[in-house]
Amino acid sequence: MAQFIHLLDANDASRVKRAGIRVFKSRWRRLNGVFLFPLTENFVVSHQWMRELRRRRGQTLLAARIRIDDAETVLIGKYNEDHMQVRAADAIRIVREHVDPLGLEVILPRSVRPQEIESFYRPPKVVGWRFYPAARGRRPCSCPYCQKGEPFGRRIRERDPLGPWT
């Protein structure tokens, strides 16, 4: 049985325990499903999406540990790139052997049943990347479009008022 984690809002924990994790169809997303990530030995890689989700929504996050069958079909790929269809056990192997696993995501194209959820836990601290996986040491874009509604966006726009196009 393959182990994955799913990050969710702490306010939804009781509903998820009772009814599982549902797939929300979106016409803006190319791929619909439940976003998961393999539980690996590397804590940072397994919980890499925490910082990005906290940055966007500002909520308290819980991690749900999920077990699915090794032969279950999942989609794996980098965020906003093409995904390939593999078995769940192969997805874990791909993440472990990948040269740069930051930015990878696994999508289960069906809902997660309550029986498949093993446990919930509060991850100890926020880890991961901001903006995109290779952003460390690079300044964020200061154009009004990229910084609209972002935390500290006004400060970033004021620091570089002409934007990156000058």
N, C-alpha and C. Protein backbone atom coordinates (compact mmCIF):
# COMPACT_ATOMS: atom_id res chain seq x y z
N MET A 1 0.84 -1.18 0.00
CA MET A 1 0.00 0.00 0.00
C MET A 1 0.89 1.25 0.00
N ALA A 2 0.59 2.15 -0.89
CA ALA A 2 1.36 3.38 -1.04
C ALA A 2 0.83 4.43 -0.07
N GLN A 3 1.74 5.17 0.56
CA GLN A 3 1.36 6.22 1.51
C GLN A 3 1.58 7.59 0.88
N PHE A 4 0.57 8.42 0.99
CA PHE A 4 0.62 9.79 0.48
C PHE A 4 0.13 10.73 1.56
N ILE A 5 0.40 12.02 1.39
CA ILE A 5 -0.18 13.02 2.27
C ILE A 5 -0.98 14.01 1.43
N HIS A 6 -2.00 14.56 2.06
CA HIS A 6 -2.83 15.59 1.45
C HIS A 6 -2.92 16.72 2.46
N LEU A 7 -2.62 17.95 2.05
CA LEU A 7 -2.70 19.09 2.95
C LEU A 7 -4.08 19.71 2.85
N LEU A 8 -4.70 19.96 4.01
CA LEU A 8 -6.05 20.50 4.04
C LEU A 8 -6.19 21.52 5.15
N ASP A 9 -7.23 22.31 5.06
CA ASP A 9 -7.54 23.30 6.08
C ASP A 9 -7.99 22.59 7.35
N ALA A 10 -7.53 23.05 8.49
CA ALA A 10 -7.88 22.42 9.77
C ALA A 10 -9.39 22.49 10.04
N ASN A 11 -10.06 23.49 9.50
CA ASN A 11 -11.51 23.60 9.70
C ASN A 11 -12.29 22.51 8.98
N ASP A 12 -11.70 21.88 7.99
CA ASP A 12 -12.37 20.84 7.22
C ASP A 12 -12.10 19.43 7.75
N ALA A 13 -11.34 19.29 8.82
CA ALA A 13 -10.91 17.98 9.30
C ALA A 13 -12.09 17.08 9.68
N SER A 14 -13.08 17.60 10.37
CA SER A 14 -14.20 16.75 10.79
C SER A 14 -15.02 16.28 9.58
N ARG A 15 -15.21 17.14 8.60
CA ARG A 15 -15.92 16.75 7.39
C ARG A 15 -15.15 15.68 6.61
N VAL A 16 -13.82 15.83 6.54
CA VAL A 16 -12.99 14.87 5.81
C VAL A 16 -12.99 13.53 6.53
N LYS A 17 -12.96 13.53 7.86
CA LYS A 17 -13.02 12.27 8.62
C LYS A 17 -14.32 11.53 8.34
N ARG A 18 -15.40 12.27 8.21
CA ARG A 18 -16.71 11.67 8.01
C ARG A 18 -16.96 11.26 6.56
N ALA A 19 -16.58 12.12 5.60
CA ALA A 19 -16.98 11.89 4.21
C ALA A 19 -15.83 11.66 3.25
N GLY A 20 -14.60 11.81 3.69
CA GLY A 20 -13.46 11.64 2.80
C GLY A 20 -13.13 12.95 2.08
N ILE A 21 -12.25 12.85 1.11
CA ILE A 21 -11.82 14.02 0.34
C ILE A 21 -12.44 13.92 -1.04
N ARG A 22 -13.25 14.90 -1.37
CA ARG A 22 -13.95 14.89 -2.64
C ARG A 22 -13.15 15.59 -3.73
N VAL A 23 -13.43 15.22 -4.96
CA VAL A 23 -12.84 15.88 -6.12
C VAL A 23 -13.75 17.04 -6.49
N PHE A 24 -13.19 18.22 -6.57
CA PHE A 24 -13.95 19.37 -7.02
C PHE A 24 -13.60 19.63 -8.47
N LYS A 25 -14.59 19.56 -9.33
CA LYS A 25 -14.36 19.80 -10.75
C LYS A 25 -14.19 21.30 -10.97
N SER A 26 -13.23 21.63 -11.80
CA SER A 26 -12.97 23.02 -12.13
C SER A 26 -12.78 23.14 -13.63
N ARG A 27 -13.42 24.08 -14.22
CA ARG A 27 -13.24 24.22 -15.66
C ARG A 27 -11.97 24.97 -16.00
N TRP A 28 -11.32 25.59 -15.00
CA TRP A 28 -10.08 26.32 -15.25
C TRP A 28 -8.86 25.41 -15.17
N ARG A 29 -8.96 24.33 -14.42
CA ARG A 29 -7.84 23.40 -14.30
C ARG A 29 -7.90 22.36 -15.41
N ARG A 30 -6.73 21.98 -15.91
CA ARG A 30 -6.71 20.93 -16.92
C ARG A 30 -6.98 19.58 -16.29
N LEU A 31 -6.46 19.35 -15.09
CA LEU A 31 -6.57 18.05 -14.42
C LEU A 31 -7.36 18.22 -13.13
N ASN A 32 -8.38 17.41 -12.96
CA ASN A 32 -9.16 17.43 -11.73
C ASN A 32 -8.87 16.18 -10.93
N GLY A 33 -8.82 16.33 -9.63
CA GLY A 33 -8.56 15.20 -8.76
C GLY A 33 -8.13 15.68 -7.39
N VAL A 34 -7.69 14.76 -6.57
CA VAL A 34 -7.20 15.06 -5.24
C VAL A 34 -5.69 15.18 -5.32
N PHE A 35 -5.15 16.31 -4.86
CA PHE A 35 -3.72 16.54 -4.91
C PHE A 35 -3.06 15.85 -3.72
N LEU A 36 -2.10 15.00 -4.02
CA LEU A 36 -1.38 14.23 -3.01
C LEU A 36 0.11 14.40 -3.23
N PHE A 37 0.87 13.93 -2.25
CA PHE A 37 2.32 13.84 -2.43
C PHE A 37 2.81 12.64 -1.65
N PRO A 38 3.74 11.87 -2.22
CA PRO A 38 4.23 10.67 -1.53
C PRO A 38 4.90 11.01 -0.21
N LEU A 39 4.68 10.20 0.78
CA LEU A 39 5.34 10.35 2.07
C LEU A 39 6.72 9.72 1.95
N THR A 40 7.74 10.56 1.90
CA THR A 40 9.11 10.09 1.72
C THR A 40 9.91 10.33 3.00
N GLU A 41 11.16 9.91 2.98
CA GLU A 41 12.04 10.08 4.14
C GLU A 41 12.42 11.55 4.33
N ASN A 42 12.37 12.34 3.26
CA ASN A 42 12.74 13.74 3.30
C ASN A 42 11.51 14.59 3.64
N PHE A 43 11.50 15.16 4.83
CA PHE A 43 10.35 15.94 5.30
C PHE A 43 10.09 17.14 4.40
N VAL A 44 11.14 17.83 3.98
CA VAL A 44 10.97 19.02 3.16
C VAL A 44 10.32 18.68 1.82
N VAL A 45 10.73 17.61 1.21
CA VAL A 45 10.16 17.21 -0.07
C VAL A 45 8.70 16.79 0.10
N SER A 46 8.40 16.04 1.15
CA SER A 46 7.03 15.56 1.36
C SER A 46 6.06 16.69 1.68
N HIS A 47 6.52 17.73 2.34
CA HIS A 47 5.64 18.82 2.77
C HIS A 47 5.93 20.11 2.03
N GLN A 48 6.46 20.03 0.80
CA GLN A 48 6.90 21.20 0.08
C GLN A 48 5.78 22.18 -0.26
N TRP A 49 4.56 21.73 -0.39
CA TRP A 49 3.47 22.61 -0.79
C TRP A 49 2.90 23.41 0.37
N MET A 50 3.37 23.15 1.60
CA MET A 50 2.82 23.86 2.77
C MET A 50 2.98 25.36 2.66
N ARG A 51 4.16 25.83 2.36
CA ARG A 51 4.40 27.27 2.32
C ARG A 51 3.57 27.94 1.24
N GLU A 52 3.49 27.33 0.08
CA GLU A 52 2.71 27.92 -1.01
C GLU A 52 1.23 27.98 -0.66
N LEU A 53 0.69 26.94 -0.04
CA LEU A 53 -0.71 26.95 0.35
C LEU A 53 -0.97 27.96 1.46
N ARG A 54 -0.07 28.07 2.41
CA ARG A 54 -0.23 29.05 3.48
C ARG A 54 -0.13 30.47 2.93
N ARG A 55 0.74 30.67 1.97
CA ARG A 55 0.92 31.99 1.39
C ARG A 55 -0.34 32.44 0.66
N ARG A 56 -0.97 31.54 -0.04
CA ARG A 56 -2.17 31.88 -0.81
C ARG A 56 -3.40 32.06 0.08
N ARG A 57 -3.60 31.16 1.01
CA ARG A 57 -4.85 31.12 1.76
C ARG A 57 -4.74 31.59 3.20
N GLY A 58 -3.55 31.50 3.79
CA GLY A 58 -3.35 31.96 5.16
C GLY A 58 -4.13 31.18 6.19
N GLN A 59 -4.20 29.89 6.06
CA GLN A 59 -5.00 29.07 6.97
C GLN A 59 -4.11 28.11 7.75
N THR A 60 -4.68 27.52 8.78
CA THR A 60 -3.99 26.49 9.53
C THR A 60 -4.12 25.19 8.76
N LEU A 61 -3.01 24.56 8.50
CA LEU A 61 -3.02 23.36 7.68
C LEU A 61 -2.85 22.10 8.51
N LEU A 62 -3.51 21.05 8.09
CA LEU A 62 -3.31 19.70 8.62
C LEU A 62 -2.87 18.82 7.47
N ALA A 63 -2.16 17.77 7.80
CA ALA A 63 -1.77 16.79 6.80
C ALA A 63 -2.54 15.51 7.07
N ALA A 64 -3.16 14.97 6.04
CA ALA A 64 -3.86 13.70 6.14
C ALA A 64 -2.98 12.62 5.52
N ARG A 65 -2.69 11.58 6.27
CA ARG A 65 -1.91 10.46 5.76
C ARG A 65 -2.88 9.48 5.12
N ILE A 66 -2.66 9.19 3.83
CA ILE A 66 -3.59 8.40 3.04
C ILE A 66 -2.87 7.17 2.49
N ARG A 67 -3.54 6.03 2.56
CA ARG A 67 -3.02 4.79 1.97
C ARG A 67 -3.92 4.39 0.81
N ILE A 68 -3.30 4.20 -0.35
CA ILE A 68 -4.04 3.70 -1.49
C ILE A 68 -3.30 2.49 -2.05
N ASP A 69 -3.98 1.72 -2.84
CA ASP A 69 -3.41 0.51 -3.40
C ASP A 69 -2.25 0.85 -4.34
N ASP A 70 -1.21 0.01 -4.36
CA ASP A 70 -0.05 0.24 -5.20
C ASP A 70 -0.39 0.27 -6.68
N ALA A 71 -1.40 -0.46 -7.09
CA ALA A 71 -1.77 -0.54 -8.50
C ALA A 71 -2.71 0.58 -8.94
N GLU A 72 -3.11 1.45 -8.03
CA GLU A 72 -4.01 2.57 -8.35
C GLU A 72 -3.32 3.51 -9.34
N THR A 73 -4.06 3.98 -10.33
CA THR A 73 -3.52 4.89 -11.34
C THR A 73 -3.56 6.32 -10.84
N VAL A 74 -2.43 7.01 -10.92
CA VAL A 74 -2.32 8.41 -10.53
C VAL A 74 -1.61 9.17 -11.65
N LEU A 75 -1.67 10.48 -11.57
CA LEU A 75 -0.96 11.35 -12.51
C LEU A 75 0.17 12.03 -11.75
N ILE A 76 1.35 12.11 -12.34
CA ILE A 76 2.48 12.77 -11.70
C ILE A 76 3.17 13.67 -12.71
N GLY A 77 3.60 14.83 -12.22
CA GLY A 77 4.32 15.78 -13.06
C GLY A 77 4.62 17.04 -12.30
N LYS A 78 5.37 17.91 -12.93
CA LYS A 78 5.68 19.22 -12.34
C LYS A 78 4.44 20.10 -12.43
N TYR A 79 4.33 21.02 -11.50
CA TYR A 79 3.23 21.97 -11.47
C TYR A 79 3.17 22.74 -12.78
N ASN A 80 1.99 22.84 -13.38
CA ASN A 80 1.73 23.55 -14.64
C ASN A 80 2.47 22.96 -15.84
N GLU A 81 2.86 21.71 -15.77
CA GLU A 81 3.46 21.03 -16.91
C GLU A 81 2.65 19.77 -17.18
N ASP A 82 3.04 19.04 -18.21
CA ASP A 82 2.34 17.81 -18.55
C ASP A 82 2.57 16.75 -17.48
N HIS A 83 1.54 15.96 -17.23
CA HIS A 83 1.61 14.88 -16.25
C HIS A 83 1.54 13.54 -16.98
N MET A 84 2.15 12.53 -16.38
CA MET A 84 2.06 11.19 -16.98
C MET A 84 1.29 10.27 -16.04
N GLN A 85 0.67 9.28 -16.63
CA GLN A 85 -0.16 8.35 -15.88
C GLN A 85 0.69 7.15 -15.48
N VAL A 86 0.78 6.91 -14.15
CA VAL A 86 1.58 5.80 -13.61
C VAL A 86 0.82 5.15 -12.46
N ARG A 87 1.34 4.04 -11.98
CA ARG A 87 0.78 3.41 -10.78
C ARG A 87 1.26 4.17 -9.55
N ALA A 88 0.57 4.03 -8.44
CA ALA A 88 0.92 4.75 -7.21
C ALA A 88 2.32 4.37 -6.71
N ALA A 89 2.66 3.09 -6.78
CA ALA A 89 3.99 2.66 -6.35
C ALA A 89 5.07 3.25 -7.23
N ASP A 90 4.81 3.39 -8.52
CA ASP A 90 5.79 3.99 -9.41
C ASP A 90 5.94 5.49 -9.16
N ALA A 91 4.85 6.15 -8.75
CA ALA A 91 4.93 7.58 -8.43
C ALA A 91 5.87 7.82 -7.26
N ILE A 92 5.81 6.95 -6.26
CA ILE A 92 6.72 7.09 -5.11
C ILE A 92 8.16 6.89 -5.55
N ARG A 93 8.39 5.91 -6.40
CA ARG A 93 9.74 5.65 -6.91
C ARG A 93 10.25 6.84 -7.72
N ILE A 94 9.40 7.43 -8.54
CA ILE A 94 9.80 8.59 -9.36
C ILE A 94 10.20 9.75 -8.47
N VAL A 95 9.44 10.01 -7.41
CA VAL A 95 9.76 11.13 -6.51
C VAL A 95 11.09 10.87 -5.80
N ARG A 96 11.31 9.65 -5.34
CA ARG A 96 12.55 9.34 -4.64
C ARG A 96 13.77 9.44 -5.54
N GLU A 97 13.64 9.06 -6.80
CA GLU A 97 14.77 9.04 -7.72
C GLU A 97 14.92 10.32 -8.54
N HIS A 98 13.97 11.22 -8.46
CA HIS A 98 13.99 12.44 -9.28
C HIS A 98 15.15 13.34 -8.85
N VAL A 99 15.77 13.98 -9.84
CA VAL A 99 16.90 14.87 -9.57
C VAL A 99 16.44 16.10 -8.78
N ASP A 100 15.30 16.67 -9.15
CA ASP A 100 14.75 17.85 -8.48
C ASP A 100 13.28 17.61 -8.19
N PRO A 101 12.95 16.99 -7.05
CA PRO A 101 11.55 16.66 -6.78
C PRO A 101 10.70 17.85 -6.34
N LEU A 102 11.30 19.01 -6.09
CA LEU A 102 10.51 20.17 -5.70
C LEU A 102 9.67 20.64 -6.88
N GLY A 103 8.40 20.83 -6.65
CA GLY A 103 7.47 21.24 -7.69
C GLY A 103 6.69 20.09 -8.29
N LEU A 104 7.03 18.85 -7.93
CA LEU A 104 6.26 17.71 -8.41
C LEU A 104 4.92 17.64 -7.69
N GLU A 105 3.93 17.11 -8.34
CA GLU A 105 2.63 16.89 -7.71
C GLU A 105 2.04 15.59 -8.22
N VAL A 106 1.27 14.95 -7.37
CA VAL A 106 0.58 13.71 -7.72
C VAL A 106 -0.91 13.99 -7.61
N ILE A 107 -1.64 13.58 -8.63
CA ILE A 107 -3.08 13.80 -8.66
C ILE A 107 -3.79 12.45 -8.74
N LEU A 108 -4.65 12.20 -7.77
CA LEU A 108 -5.50 11.00 -7.78
C LEU A 108 -6.81 11.39 -8.44
N PRO A 109 -7.16 10.80 -9.59
CA PRO A 109 -8.34 11.28 -10.34
C PRO A 109 -9.69 10.82 -9.78
N ARG A 110 -9.74 10.48 -8.53
CA ARG A 110 -11.01 10.09 -7.89
C ARG A 110 -11.01 10.62 -6.47
N SER A 111 -12.12 10.51 -5.80
CA SER A 111 -12.22 10.94 -4.40
C SER A 111 -11.52 9.93 -3.49
N VAL A 112 -11.14 10.40 -2.31
CA VAL A 112 -10.52 9.53 -1.30
C VAL A 112 -11.60 9.15 -0.30
N ARG A 113 -11.77 7.86 -0.09
CA ARG A 113 -12.78 7.37 0.85
C ARG A 113 -12.29 7.55 2.29
N PRO A 114 -13.18 7.68 3.26
CA PRO A 114 -12.76 7.85 4.66
C PRO A 114 -11.93 6.68 5.19
N GLN A 115 -12.16 5.47 4.67
CA GLN A 115 -11.41 4.30 5.13
C GLN A 115 -9.95 4.36 4.69
N GLU A 116 -9.65 5.12 3.65
CA GLU A 116 -8.28 5.23 3.15
C GLU A 116 -7.44 6.24 3.92
N ILE A 117 -8.08 7.05 4.75
CA ILE A 117 -7.36 8.05 5.54
C ILE A 117 -6.91 7.39 6.83
N GLU A 118 -5.59 7.33 7.02
CA GLU A 118 -5.04 6.69 8.21
C GLU A 118 -5.06 7.61 9.42
N SER A 119 -4.56 8.83 9.24
CA SER A 119 -4.49 9.74 10.38
C SER A 119 -4.34 11.17 9.90
N PHE A 120 -4.51 12.07 10.85
CA PHE A 120 -4.28 13.49 10.62
C PHE A 120 -3.17 13.94 11.57
N TYR A 121 -2.36 14.88 11.13
CA TYR A 121 -1.36 15.45 12.03
C TYR A 121 -1.08 16.88 11.60
N ARG A 122 -0.65 17.66 12.57
CA ARG A 122 -0.28 19.04 12.30
C ARG A 122 1.22 19.07 12.01
N PRO A 123 1.60 19.41 10.79
CA PRO A 123 3.04 19.47 10.49
C PRO A 123 3.73 20.47 11.41
N PRO A 124 4.93 20.17 11.87
CA PRO A 124 5.55 20.99 12.91
C PRO A 124 5.90 22.41 12.52
N LYS A 125 6.24 22.68 11.26
CA LYS A 125 6.57 24.04 10.87
C LYS A 125 6.37 24.20 9.38
N VAL A 126 6.38 25.44 8.93
CA VAL A 126 6.20 25.72 7.52
C VAL A 126 7.53 25.51 6.81
N VAL A 127 7.53 24.65 5.83
CA VAL A 127 8.71 24.42 5.02
C VAL A 127 8.31 24.58 3.56
N GLY A 128 9.27 24.50 2.68
CA GLY A 128 8.96 24.53 1.27
C GLY A 128 9.46 25.78 0.60
N TRP A 129 8.87 26.09 -0.53
CA TRP A 129 9.33 27.17 -1.35
C TRP A 129 8.24 28.22 -1.47
N ARG A 130 8.66 29.44 -1.82
CA ARG A 130 7.71 30.51 -2.09
C ARG A 130 7.83 30.90 -3.54
N PHE A 131 6.74 31.25 -4.15
CA PHE A 131 6.64 31.68 -5.54
C PHE A 131 6.85 30.52 -6.50
N TYR A 132 8.01 29.85 -6.48
CA TYR A 132 8.29 28.68 -7.29
C TYR A 132 9.52 28.01 -6.70
N PRO A 133 9.77 26.73 -6.99
CA PRO A 133 10.82 25.99 -6.29
C PRO A 133 12.22 26.59 -6.36
N ALA A 134 12.59 27.23 -7.46
CA ALA A 134 13.95 27.76 -7.60
C ALA A 134 14.02 29.25 -7.26
N ALA A 135 13.11 29.76 -6.43
CA ALA A 135 13.04 31.19 -6.15
C ALA A 135 14.05 31.67 -5.13
N ARG A 136 14.72 30.79 -4.43
CA ARG A 136 15.63 31.20 -3.38
C ARG A 136 16.74 32.09 -3.95
N GLY A 137 16.89 33.27 -3.35
CA GLY A 137 17.93 34.21 -3.77
C GLY A 137 17.52 35.12 -4.92
N ARG A 138 16.34 34.96 -5.45
CA ARG A 138 15.87 35.81 -6.55
C ARG A 138 14.76 36.71 -6.04
N ARG A 139 14.76 37.93 -6.53
CA ARG A 139 13.72 38.88 -6.13
C ARG A 139 12.41 38.54 -6.84
N PRO A 140 11.28 38.71 -6.15
CA PRO A 140 10.00 38.47 -6.82
C PRO A 140 9.71 39.58 -7.83
N CYS A 141 8.89 39.25 -8.81
CA CYS A 141 8.48 40.22 -9.82
C CYS A 141 7.70 41.34 -9.14
N SER A 142 8.00 42.60 -9.51
CA SER A 142 7.36 43.73 -8.83
C SER A 142 6.27 44.38 -9.66
N CYS A 143 5.87 43.75 -10.74
CA CYS A 143 4.81 44.36 -11.55
C CYS A 143 3.48 44.29 -10.79
N PRO A 144 2.59 45.23 -11.04
CA PRO A 144 1.32 45.26 -10.32
C PRO A 144 0.48 43.99 -10.51
N TYR A 145 0.58 43.35 -11.67
CA TYR A 145 -0.20 42.14 -11.91
C TYR A 145 0.25 41.01 -10.98
N CYS A 146 1.56 40.80 -10.87
CA CYS A 146 2.07 39.69 -10.05
C CYS A 146 1.89 39.94 -8.56
N GLN A 147 1.87 41.19 -8.14
CA GLN A 147 1.83 41.50 -6.72
C GLN A 147 0.45 41.92 -6.23
N LYS A 148 -0.56 41.88 -7.08
CA LYS A 148 -1.90 42.28 -6.66
C LYS A 148 -2.45 41.30 -5.64
N GLY A 149 -2.73 41.77 -4.44
CA GLY A 149 -3.32 40.96 -3.40
C GLY A 149 -2.34 40.06 -2.67
N GLU A 150 -1.06 40.13 -2.99
CA GLU A 150 -0.07 39.29 -2.33
C GLU A 150 0.37 39.90 -1.00
N PRO A 151 0.76 39.08 -0.03
CA PRO A 151 1.29 39.62 1.21
C PRO A 151 2.56 40.42 0.91
N PHE A 152 2.68 41.57 1.50
CA PHE A 152 3.82 42.47 1.32
C PHE A 152 3.98 42.93 -0.12
N GLY A 153 2.92 42.86 -0.91
CA GLY A 153 2.98 43.25 -2.31
C GLY A 153 3.27 44.73 -2.49
N ARG A 154 2.69 45.57 -1.64
CA ARG A 154 2.93 47.01 -1.77
C ARG A 154 4.39 47.33 -1.53
N ARG A 155 4.99 46.69 -0.53
CA ARG A 155 6.41 46.92 -0.24
C ARG A 155 7.29 46.50 -1.41
N ILE A 156 6.96 45.39 -2.04
CA ILE A 156 7.75 44.92 -3.20
C ILE A 156 7.58 45.86 -4.38
N ARG A 157 6.34 46.36 -4.61
CA ARG A 157 6.12 47.30 -5.72
C ARG A 157 6.83 48.62 -5.48
N GLU A 158 6.84 49.10 -4.22
CA GLU A 158 7.51 50.37 -3.92
C GLU A 158 9.03 50.26 -4.03
N ARG A 159 9.59 49.10 -3.74
CA ARG A 159 11.02 48.92 -3.81
C ARG A 159 11.52 48.99 -5.26
N ASP A 160 10.73 48.52 -6.19
CA ASP A 160 11.11 48.50 -7.60
C ASP A 160 9.92 48.97 -8.42
N PRO A 161 9.64 50.31 -8.44
CA PRO A 161 8.41 50.80 -9.04
C PRO A 161 8.32 50.64 -10.55
N LEU A 162 9.44 50.54 -11.24
CA LEU A 162 9.39 50.41 -12.68
C LEU A 162 9.19 48.99 -13.16
N GLY A 163 9.35 48.04 -12.28
CA GLY A 163 9.12 46.64 -12.62
C GLY A 163 10.32 46.01 -13.30
N PRO A 164 10.20 44.74 -13.62
CA PRO A 164 11.32 44.01 -14.19
C PRO A 164 11.58 44.29 -15.66
N TRP A 165 10.67 45.03 -16.31
CA TRP A 165 10.80 45.25 -17.75
C TRP A 165 11.71 46.42 -18.10
N THR A 166 12.29 47.10 -17.11
CA THR A 166 13.18 48.25 -17.42
C THR A 166 14.62 47.82 -17.49
